[in-house]
Amino acid sequence: EDSSIMSSLKRVAVDSDQNISCSICLEDLEEALSMPCSHVYHGDCIKKWLSISHYCPLCRFEMPTTN
């Protein structure tokens, strides 16, 4: 189930000029995973988050699940 959620996230490159940080760990993003709601996080950060919650940490968008 978790792998299908993770596969629905898009890998995105983040331009270093943009100074975008991961809202989970607050570190700068270079490469990120984008949720369907367009919020971006480090892959490891969002993987851990989605293992306990199926909602975006910022906007509470509910990730579709397979069950």
C-alpha atoms as a PDB file:
ATOM      1  CA  GLU A   1       0.000   0.000   0.000  1.00  0.00           C
ATOM      2  CA  ASP A   2       2.714   2.510   0.986  1.00  0.00           C
ATOM      3  CA  SER A   3       4.665   1.794  -2.203  1.00  0.00           C
ATOM      4  CA  SER A   4       1.660   2.733  -4.351  1.00  0.00           C
ATOM      5  CA  ILE A   5       1.350   6.017  -2.468  1.00  0.00           C
ATOM      6  CA  MET A   6       5.064   6.715  -2.915  1.00  0.00           C
ATOM      7  CA  SER A   7       4.878   5.892  -6.625  1.00  0.00           C
ATOM      8  CA  SER A   8       2.188   8.550  -7.055  1.00  0.00           C
ATOM      9  CA  LEU A   9       4.654  11.249  -5.955  1.00  0.00           C
ATOM     10  CA  LYS A  10       6.608  13.030  -8.673  1.00  0.00           C
ATOM     11  CA  ARG A  11      10.375  13.519  -8.393  1.00  0.00           C
ATOM     12  CA  VAL A  12      11.226  17.167  -9.063  1.00  0.00           C
ATOM     13  CA  ALA A  13      14.458  19.123  -9.322  1.00  0.00           C
ATOM     14  CA  VAL A  14      14.505  22.312  -7.282  1.00  0.00           C
ATOM     15  CA  ASP A  15      16.366  25.343  -8.600  1.00  0.00           C
ATOM     16  CA  SER A  16      18.918  26.425  -5.977  1.00  0.00           C
ATOM     17  CA  ASP A  17      17.964  30.066  -6.658  1.00  0.00           C
ATOM     18  CA  GLN A  18      14.509  29.394  -5.243  1.00  0.00           C
ATOM     19  CA  ASN A  19      15.678  28.679  -1.671  1.00  0.00           C
ATOM     20  CA  ILE A  20      12.862  26.186  -1.067  1.00  0.00           C
ATOM     21  CA  SER A  21      13.138  24.131   2.095  1.00  0.00           C
ATOM     22  CA  CYS A  22      11.533  20.878   3.161  1.00  0.00           C
ATOM     23  CA  SER A  23       8.674  21.714   5.533  1.00  0.00           C
ATOM     24  CA  ILE A  24       9.356  18.557   7.539  1.00  0.00           C
ATOM     25  CA  CYS A  25      13.098  18.882   8.302  1.00  0.00           C
ATOM     26  CA  LEU A  26      13.502  22.556   7.269  1.00  0.00           C
ATOM     27  CA  GLU A  27      16.665  21.789   5.243  1.00  0.00           C
ATOM     28  CA  ASP A  28      17.115  23.188   1.721  1.00  0.00           C
ATOM     29  CA  LEU A  29      15.758  21.096  -1.123  1.00  0.00           C
ATOM     30  CA  GLU A  30      17.815  20.159  -4.182  1.00  0.00           C
ATOM     31  CA  GLU A  31      15.772  17.194  -5.331  1.00  0.00           C
ATOM     32  CA  ALA A  32      12.328  16.589  -3.922  1.00  0.00           C
ATOM     33  CA  LEU A  33       9.149  14.585  -4.178  1.00  0.00           C
ATOM     34  CA  SER A  34       6.031  16.553  -5.064  1.00  0.00           C
ATOM     35  CA  MET A  35       2.654  15.648  -3.602  1.00  0.00           C
ATOM     36  CA  PRO A  36      -0.480  15.908  -5.818  1.00  0.00           C
ATOM     37  CA  CYS A  37      -1.232  19.165  -3.956  1.00  0.00           C
ATOM     38  CA  SER A  38       2.144  20.517  -5.238  1.00  0.00           C
ATOM     39  CA  HIS A  39       3.897  20.697  -1.859  1.00  0.00           C
ATOM     40  CA  VAL A  40       7.449  19.326  -2.006  1.00  0.00           C
ATOM     41  CA  TYR A  41       9.547  17.404   0.511  1.00  0.00           C
ATOM     42  CA  HIS A  42      12.733  15.354   0.718  1.00  0.00           C
ATOM     43  CA  GLY A  43      11.996  11.779  -0.343  1.00  0.00           C
ATOM     44  CA  ASP A  44      13.058  10.290   3.007  1.00  0.00           C
ATOM     45  CA  CYS A  45      11.105  12.884   4.996  1.00  0.00           C
ATOM     46  CA  ILE A  46       7.818  12.372   3.177  1.00  0.00           C
ATOM     47  CA  LYS A  47       8.321   8.580   3.142  1.00  0.00           C
ATOM     48  CA  LYS A  48       8.508   8.578   6.957  1.00  0.00           C
ATOM     49  CA  TRP A  49       5.556  10.965   7.227  1.00  0.00           C
ATOM     50  CA  LEU A  50       3.351   8.927   4.887  1.00  0.00           C
ATOM     51  CA  SER A  51       4.113   5.761   6.837  1.00  0.00           C
ATOM     52  CA  ILE A  52       2.123   7.256   9.748  1.00  0.00           C
ATOM     53  CA  SER A  53      -0.272   9.656   7.999  1.00  0.00           C
ATOM     54  CA  HIS A  54      -1.933   9.789   4.571  1.00  0.00           C
ATOM     55  CA  TYR A  55      -2.279  13.586   4.621  1.00  0.00           C
ATOM     56  CA  CYS A  56      -0.013  16.360   3.366  1.00  0.00           C
ATOM     57  CA  PRO A  57       1.760  17.901   6.395  1.00  0.00           C
ATOM     58  CA  LEU A  58       1.002  21.413   5.117  1.00  0.00           C
ATOM     59  CA  CYS A  59      -2.486  21.447   3.649  1.00  0.00           C
ATOM     60  CA  ARG A  60      -3.933  18.120   4.881  1.00  0.00           C
ATOM     61  CA  PHE A  61      -4.591  16.941   1.308  1.00  0.00           C
ATOM     62  CA  GLU A  62      -5.537  13.276   1.599  1.00  0.00           C
ATOM     63  CA  MET A  63      -3.405  10.924  -0.439  1.00  0.00           C
ATOM     64  CA  PRO A  64      -5.499   8.343  -2.266  1.00  0.00           C
ATOM     65  CA  THR A  65      -4.995   4.868  -0.842  1.00  0.00           C
ATOM     66  CA  THR A  66      -5.502   1.530  -2.511  1.00  0.00           C
ATOM     67  CA  ASN A  67      -7.988   0.118   0.010  1.00  0.00           C
END
